[in-house]
């Protein structure tokens, strides 16, 4: 009798592709955990309006060192955040997280499309995870 291989739904049949997918999921989990730590430390500005206002204000306490954008953010949000970050020379990074995942990572019940990190060390650590 031959053993049949069971295929997990959503998992690629190719072992290299499956390993790559698992590494990506682990990276997402680490990224979400570090976002939660940043939120508890009070170093997160969440939401498009709050992030763009903080960038425009330019005060050392509220201006983010890096901005992270959700993968499914709307075109309007993407344009507003991109224009603001490029004008004020703030690094902008697009994540693989959805708006719902980003919201739950920082403890919000709703969808969050962008997050600004106001601590240099946390911003660098999150950037390195991408």
N, C-alpha and C. Protein backbone atom coordinates (compact mmCIF):
# COMPACT_ATOMS: atom_id res chain seq x y z
N UNK A 1 0.83 -1.18 0.00
CA UNK A 1 0.00 0.00 0.00
C UNK A 1 0.87 1.25 0.00
N UNK A 2 0.50 2.19 -0.79
CA UNK A 2 1.26 3.44 -0.82
C UNK A 2 0.55 4.48 0.04
N UNK A 3 1.37 5.29 0.66
CA UNK A 3 0.82 6.34 1.51
C UNK A 3 0.50 7.55 0.64
N UNK A 4 -0.67 8.09 0.86
CA UNK A 4 -1.06 9.29 0.14
C UNK A 4 -0.61 10.51 0.92
N UNK A 5 -0.07 11.48 0.21
CA UNK A 5 0.34 12.71 0.85
C UNK A 5 -0.90 13.58 1.08
N UNK A 6 -1.03 14.07 2.27
CA UNK A 6 -2.14 14.96 2.56
C UNK A 6 -1.68 16.39 2.32
N UNK A 7 -2.50 17.13 1.64
CA UNK A 7 -2.17 18.51 1.31
C UNK A 7 -2.94 19.45 2.23
N UNK A 8 -2.22 20.35 2.85
CA UNK A 8 -2.84 21.34 3.72
C UNK A 8 -3.38 22.46 2.84
N UNK A 9 -4.65 22.86 3.05
CA UNK A 9 -5.21 23.94 2.24
C UNK A 9 -4.43 25.24 2.44
N UNK A 10 -4.12 25.91 1.35
CA UNK A 10 -3.41 27.18 1.41
C UNK A 10 -1.90 27.02 1.45
N UNK A 11 -1.40 25.80 1.56
CA UNK A 11 0.02 25.55 1.62
C UNK A 11 0.50 25.08 0.24
N UNK A 12 1.56 25.66 -0.31
CA UNK A 12 2.06 25.23 -1.60
C UNK A 12 2.62 23.81 -1.55
N UNK A 13 2.52 23.09 -2.67
CA UNK A 13 3.03 21.73 -2.73
C UNK A 13 4.56 21.70 -2.77
N UNK A 14 5.16 22.73 -3.34
CA UNK A 14 6.62 22.82 -3.43
C UNK A 14 7.21 23.12 -2.05
N UNK A 15 8.15 22.31 -1.57
CA UNK A 15 8.72 22.53 -0.23
C UNK A 15 9.44 23.88 -0.09
N UNK A 16 10.09 24.34 -1.15
CA UNK A 16 10.78 25.64 -1.07
C UNK A 16 9.77 26.78 -0.95
N UNK A 17 8.68 26.69 -1.69
CA UNK A 17 7.65 27.72 -1.62
C UNK A 17 6.96 27.69 -0.25
N UNK A 18 6.76 26.48 0.29
CA UNK A 18 6.15 26.36 1.61
C UNK A 18 7.06 26.96 2.68
N UNK A 19 8.36 26.71 2.59
CA UNK A 19 9.31 27.27 3.56
C UNK A 19 9.33 28.79 3.48
N UNK A 20 9.27 29.31 2.25
CA UNK A 20 9.25 30.77 2.08
C UNK A 20 7.99 31.38 2.69
N UNK A 21 6.85 30.72 2.50
CA UNK A 21 5.60 31.19 3.07
C UNK A 21 5.65 31.17 4.60
N UNK A 22 6.21 30.12 5.17
CA UNK A 22 6.32 30.05 6.63
C UNK A 22 7.23 31.14 7.18
N UNK A 23 8.32 31.43 6.51
CA UNK A 23 9.22 32.50 6.95
C UNK A 23 8.52 33.86 6.89
N UNK A 24 7.71 34.04 5.85
CA UNK A 24 6.97 35.29 5.72
C UNK A 24 5.95 35.44 6.85
N UNK A 25 5.27 34.34 7.20
CA UNK A 25 4.29 34.39 8.29
C UNK A 25 4.96 34.64 9.63
N UNK A 26 6.12 34.05 9.84
CA UNK A 26 6.87 34.30 11.09
C UNK A 26 7.29 35.76 11.18
N UNK A 27 7.72 36.32 10.05
CA UNK A 27 8.11 37.72 10.02
C UNK A 27 6.93 38.63 10.33
N UNK A 28 5.75 38.28 9.80
CA UNK A 28 4.55 39.06 10.09
C UNK A 28 4.22 39.01 11.58
N UNK A 29 4.37 37.84 12.17
CA UNK A 29 4.05 37.69 13.59
C UNK A 29 5.01 38.51 14.45
N UNK A 30 6.29 38.50 14.10
CA UNK A 30 7.27 39.30 14.83
C UNK A 30 6.99 40.78 14.67
N UNK A 31 6.64 41.18 13.44
CA UNK A 31 6.32 42.58 13.16
C UNK A 31 5.12 43.02 13.99
N UNK A 32 4.08 42.19 14.03
CA UNK A 32 2.87 42.52 14.80
C UNK A 32 3.19 42.59 16.29
N UNK A 33 4.03 41.71 16.78
CA UNK A 33 4.40 41.73 18.19
C UNK A 33 5.17 42.99 18.56
N UNK A 34 6.08 43.40 17.69
CA UNK A 34 6.84 44.61 17.95
C UNK A 34 5.97 45.86 17.85
N UNK A 35 4.97 45.83 16.96
CA UNK A 35 4.01 46.94 16.91
C UNK A 35 3.24 47.05 18.21
N UNK A 36 2.86 45.90 18.78
CA UNK A 36 2.16 45.89 20.06
C UNK A 36 3.02 46.46 21.18
N UNK A 37 4.30 46.12 21.18
CA UNK A 37 5.22 46.66 22.19
C UNK A 37 5.35 48.17 22.03
N UNK A 38 5.45 48.63 20.79
CA UNK A 38 5.55 50.07 20.54
C UNK A 38 4.28 50.79 21.00
N UNK A 39 3.13 50.16 20.80
CA UNK A 39 1.86 50.76 21.25
C UNK A 39 1.82 50.88 22.77
N UNK A 40 2.25 49.82 23.47
CA UNK A 40 2.25 49.85 24.93
C UNK A 40 3.23 50.88 25.46
N UNK A 41 4.31 51.13 24.72
CA UNK A 41 5.29 52.12 25.13
C UNK A 41 4.83 53.55 24.81
N UNK A 42 3.73 53.67 24.09
CA UNK A 42 3.22 54.99 23.74
C UNK A 42 3.97 55.63 22.59
N UNK A 43 4.57 54.84 21.74
CA UNK A 43 5.38 55.35 20.63
C UNK A 43 4.72 55.16 19.27
N UNK A 44 3.39 55.01 19.25
CA UNK A 44 2.67 54.77 18.00
C UNK A 44 1.66 55.88 17.76
N UNK A 45 1.63 56.36 16.52
CA UNK A 45 0.58 57.25 16.05
C UNK A 45 -0.18 56.46 15.00
N UNK A 46 -1.46 56.22 15.24
CA UNK A 46 -2.24 55.33 14.37
C UNK A 46 -3.32 56.11 13.63
N UNK A 47 -3.44 55.83 12.34
CA UNK A 47 -4.47 56.46 11.53
C UNK A 47 -3.90 57.48 10.57
N UNK A 48 -4.50 57.59 9.43
CA UNK A 48 -3.99 58.46 8.37
C UNK A 48 -3.96 59.92 8.80
N UNK A 49 -5.06 60.41 9.34
CA UNK A 49 -5.12 61.83 9.73
C UNK A 49 -4.12 62.14 10.85
N UNK A 50 -4.04 61.30 11.85
CA UNK A 50 -3.12 61.55 12.96
C UNK A 50 -1.67 61.48 12.51
N UNK A 51 -1.35 60.53 11.64
CA UNK A 51 0.03 60.40 11.17
C UNK A 51 0.43 61.61 10.33
N UNK A 52 -0.42 62.01 9.39
CA UNK A 52 -0.07 63.16 8.54
C UNK A 52 -0.02 64.46 9.35
N UNK A 53 -0.91 64.61 10.32
CA UNK A 53 -0.86 65.80 11.19
C UNK A 53 0.41 65.81 12.02
N UNK A 54 0.83 64.67 12.54
CA UNK A 54 2.05 64.59 13.34
C UNK A 54 3.28 64.90 12.50
N UNK A 55 3.28 64.46 11.25
CA UNK A 55 4.41 64.75 10.37
C UNK A 55 4.47 66.24 10.07
N UNK A 56 3.31 66.83 9.78
CA UNK A 56 3.28 68.27 9.47
C UNK A 56 3.64 69.12 10.67
N UNK A 57 3.26 68.69 11.88
CA UNK A 57 3.57 69.46 13.08
C UNK A 57 5.08 69.52 13.29
N UNK A 58 5.75 68.40 13.06
CA UNK A 58 7.21 68.39 13.12
C UNK A 58 7.83 68.50 14.48
N UNK A 59 7.05 68.38 15.54
CA UNK A 59 7.66 68.46 16.87
C UNK A 59 8.41 67.16 17.17
N UNK A 60 9.51 67.24 17.91
CA UNK A 60 10.32 66.05 18.15
C UNK A 60 9.57 64.92 18.86
N UNK A 61 8.58 65.24 19.66
CA UNK A 61 7.85 64.19 20.38
C UNK A 61 6.84 63.46 19.52
N UNK A 62 6.23 64.14 18.57
CA UNK A 62 5.15 63.53 17.82
C UNK A 62 5.50 63.13 16.40
N UNK A 63 6.58 63.64 15.85
CA UNK A 63 6.92 63.34 14.46
C UNK A 63 7.48 61.92 14.37
N UNK A 64 6.89 61.09 13.54
CA UNK A 64 7.37 59.70 13.43
C UNK A 64 8.71 59.60 12.70
N UNK A 65 9.50 58.62 13.11
CA UNK A 65 10.76 58.32 12.43
C UNK A 65 10.53 57.44 11.21
N UNK A 66 9.44 56.69 11.22
CA UNK A 66 9.08 55.83 10.09
C UNK A 66 7.57 55.64 10.09
N UNK A 67 7.02 55.47 8.89
CA UNK A 67 5.60 55.24 8.71
C UNK A 67 5.43 53.90 7.99
N UNK A 68 4.47 53.10 8.47
CA UNK A 68 4.20 51.79 7.88
C UNK A 68 2.77 51.78 7.36
N UNK A 69 2.62 51.37 6.11
CA UNK A 69 1.35 51.41 5.42
C UNK A 69 0.85 49.99 5.19
N UNK A 70 -0.43 49.76 5.42
CA UNK A 70 -1.03 48.44 5.21
C UNK A 70 -1.10 48.13 3.72
N UNK A 71 -1.08 46.86 3.40
CA UNK A 71 -1.06 46.44 1.99
C UNK A 71 -2.37 46.74 1.26
N UNK A 72 -3.48 46.76 1.99
CA UNK A 72 -4.77 47.00 1.34
C UNK A 72 -5.33 48.39 1.63
N UNK A 73 -4.45 49.34 1.88
CA UNK A 73 -4.89 50.72 2.11
C UNK A 73 -5.47 51.28 0.82
N UNK A 74 -6.44 52.17 0.95
CA UNK A 74 -7.08 52.73 -0.23
C UNK A 74 -6.10 53.62 -1.01
N UNK A 75 -6.42 53.86 -2.26
CA UNK A 75 -5.55 54.68 -3.11
C UNK A 75 -5.43 56.11 -2.57
N UNK A 76 -6.53 56.65 -2.05
CA UNK A 76 -6.51 57.99 -1.48
C UNK A 76 -5.57 58.06 -0.28
N UNK A 77 -5.69 57.09 0.61
CA UNK A 77 -4.82 57.04 1.79
C UNK A 77 -3.37 56.87 1.37
N UNK A 78 -3.14 55.96 0.44
CA UNK A 78 -1.79 55.69 -0.04
C UNK A 78 -1.16 56.96 -0.62
N UNK A 79 -1.94 57.72 -1.40
CA UNK A 79 -1.43 58.95 -2.02
C UNK A 79 -1.15 60.02 -0.96
N UNK A 80 -2.08 60.20 -0.01
CA UNK A 80 -1.89 61.22 1.02
C UNK A 80 -0.65 60.95 1.87
N UNK A 81 -0.51 59.70 2.29
CA UNK A 81 0.63 59.35 3.15
C UNK A 81 1.94 59.41 2.37
N UNK A 82 1.92 58.93 1.14
CA UNK A 82 3.13 58.95 0.32
C UNK A 82 3.59 60.37 0.05
N UNK A 83 2.67 61.24 -0.32
CA UNK A 83 3.02 62.64 -0.58
C UNK A 83 3.56 63.33 0.66
N UNK A 84 2.92 63.12 1.79
CA UNK A 84 3.34 63.75 3.03
C UNK A 84 4.72 63.26 3.46
N UNK A 85 4.94 61.95 3.38
CA UNK A 85 6.22 61.38 3.79
C UNK A 85 7.35 61.81 2.85
N UNK A 86 7.08 61.87 1.57
CA UNK A 86 8.13 62.27 0.64
C UNK A 86 8.47 63.75 0.80
N UNK A 87 7.47 64.60 1.05
CA UNK A 87 7.73 66.02 1.21
C UNK A 87 8.56 66.30 2.46
N UNK A 88 8.25 65.63 3.57
CA UNK A 88 8.95 65.86 4.83
C UNK A 88 10.10 64.86 5.05
N UNK A 89 10.39 64.04 4.05
CA UNK A 89 11.50 63.09 4.06
C UNK A 89 11.44 62.11 5.24
N UNK A 90 10.26 61.53 5.42
CA UNK A 90 10.04 60.50 6.43
C UNK A 90 10.01 59.15 5.70
N UNK A 91 10.76 58.15 6.16
CA UNK A 91 10.74 56.85 5.49
C UNK A 91 9.35 56.21 5.55
N UNK A 92 8.89 55.73 4.41
CA UNK A 92 7.59 55.06 4.29
C UNK A 92 7.82 53.64 3.83
N UNK A 93 7.21 52.68 4.54
CA UNK A 93 7.37 51.27 4.21
C UNK A 93 6.00 50.64 4.07
N UNK A 94 5.82 49.88 3.00
CA UNK A 94 4.57 49.14 2.83
C UNK A 94 4.76 47.75 3.42
N UNK A 95 3.80 47.34 4.24
CA UNK A 95 3.87 46.04 4.89
C UNK A 95 3.00 45.03 4.15
N UNK A 96 3.11 43.78 4.55
CA UNK A 96 2.25 42.74 4.00
C UNK A 96 1.00 42.55 4.86
N UNK A 97 0.89 43.32 5.92
CA UNK A 97 -0.27 43.23 6.81
C UNK A 97 -1.45 43.97 6.21
N UNK A 98 -2.65 43.44 6.46
CA UNK A 98 -3.86 44.13 6.03
C UNK A 98 -4.24 45.17 7.09
N UNK A 99 -5.25 45.98 6.78
CA UNK A 99 -5.67 47.01 7.72
C UNK A 99 -6.23 46.38 9.00
N UNK A 100 -6.95 45.29 8.88
CA UNK A 100 -7.48 44.62 10.07
C UNK A 100 -6.37 44.03 10.93
N UNK A 101 -5.38 43.43 10.29
CA UNK A 101 -4.25 42.86 11.02
C UNK A 101 -3.46 43.94 11.74
N UNK A 102 -3.27 45.07 11.08
CA UNK A 102 -2.52 46.17 11.69
C UNK A 102 -3.30 46.75 12.87
N UNK A 103 -4.61 46.86 12.73
CA UNK A 103 -5.44 47.36 13.82
C UNK A 103 -5.39 46.44 15.03
N UNK A 104 -5.49 45.15 14.81
CA UNK A 104 -5.46 44.21 15.94
C UNK A 104 -4.07 44.13 16.56
N UNK A 105 -3.02 44.37 15.77
CA UNK A 105 -1.65 44.33 16.30
C UNK A 105 -1.41 45.44 17.32
N UNK A 106 -2.07 46.57 17.12
CA UNK A 106 -1.88 47.67 18.08
C UNK A 106 -3.02 47.80 19.06
N UNK A 107 -3.91 46.81 19.06
CA UNK A 107 -4.97 46.79 20.06
C UNK A 107 -6.19 47.60 19.72
N UNK A 108 -6.40 47.92 18.48
CA UNK A 108 -7.59 48.65 18.04
C UNK A 108 -8.59 47.68 17.43
N UNK A 109 -9.87 47.93 17.65
CA UNK A 109 -10.88 47.02 17.11
C UNK A 109 -11.17 47.26 15.64
N UNK A 110 -10.86 48.44 15.15
CA UNK A 110 -11.15 48.76 13.75
C UNK A 110 -9.94 48.58 12.85
N UNK A 111 -10.11 48.95 11.60
CA UNK A 111 -9.04 48.84 10.62
C UNK A 111 -8.15 50.08 10.68
N UNK A 112 -6.85 49.86 10.70
CA UNK A 112 -5.87 50.94 10.71
C UNK A 112 -5.02 50.79 9.46
N UNK A 113 -4.97 51.83 8.63
CA UNK A 113 -4.25 51.70 7.37
C UNK A 113 -2.81 52.20 7.43
N UNK A 114 -2.46 53.05 8.39
CA UNK A 114 -1.06 53.45 8.52
C UNK A 114 -0.73 53.74 9.98
N UNK A 115 0.54 53.51 10.28
CA UNK A 115 1.04 53.66 11.65
C UNK A 115 2.36 54.41 11.58
N UNK A 116 2.52 55.39 12.45
CA UNK A 116 3.79 56.11 12.57
C UNK A 116 4.46 55.73 13.87
N UNK A 117 5.76 55.49 13.85
CA UNK A 117 6.53 55.09 15.04
C UNK A 117 7.39 56.27 15.45
N UNK A 118 7.23 56.75 16.70
CA UNK A 118 7.90 57.95 17.16
C UNK A 118 9.17 57.66 17.96
N UNK A 119 9.66 56.44 17.94
CA UNK A 119 10.90 56.08 18.61
C UNK A 119 11.87 55.57 17.56
N UNK A 120 13.09 56.10 17.55
CA UNK A 120 14.08 55.74 16.52
C UNK A 120 14.45 54.26 16.58
N UNK A 121 14.68 53.73 17.76
CA UNK A 121 15.07 52.33 17.90
C UNK A 121 13.98 51.37 17.45
N UNK A 122 12.75 51.64 17.85
CA UNK A 122 11.63 50.80 17.43
C UNK A 122 11.38 50.91 15.93
N UNK A 123 11.53 52.11 15.39
CA UNK A 123 11.34 52.29 13.95
C UNK A 123 12.40 51.50 13.16
N UNK A 124 13.64 51.53 13.64
CA UNK A 124 14.70 50.76 12.97
C UNK A 124 14.47 49.27 13.09
N UNK A 125 14.02 48.81 14.24
CA UNK A 125 13.77 47.39 14.44
C UNK A 125 12.62 46.91 13.55
N UNK A 126 11.57 47.69 13.44
CA UNK A 126 10.45 47.33 12.57
C UNK A 126 10.85 47.35 11.10
N UNK A 127 11.68 48.32 10.72
CA UNK A 127 12.15 48.39 9.34
C UNK A 127 13.01 47.17 9.00
N UNK A 128 13.82 46.71 9.93
CA UNK A 128 14.67 45.55 9.68
C UNK A 128 13.87 44.27 9.53
N UNK A 129 12.66 44.20 10.11
CA UNK A 129 11.83 43.02 9.98
C UNK A 129 11.15 42.92 8.62
N UNK A 130 11.11 44.00 7.88
CA UNK A 130 10.46 43.98 6.56
C UNK A 130 11.34 43.40 5.50
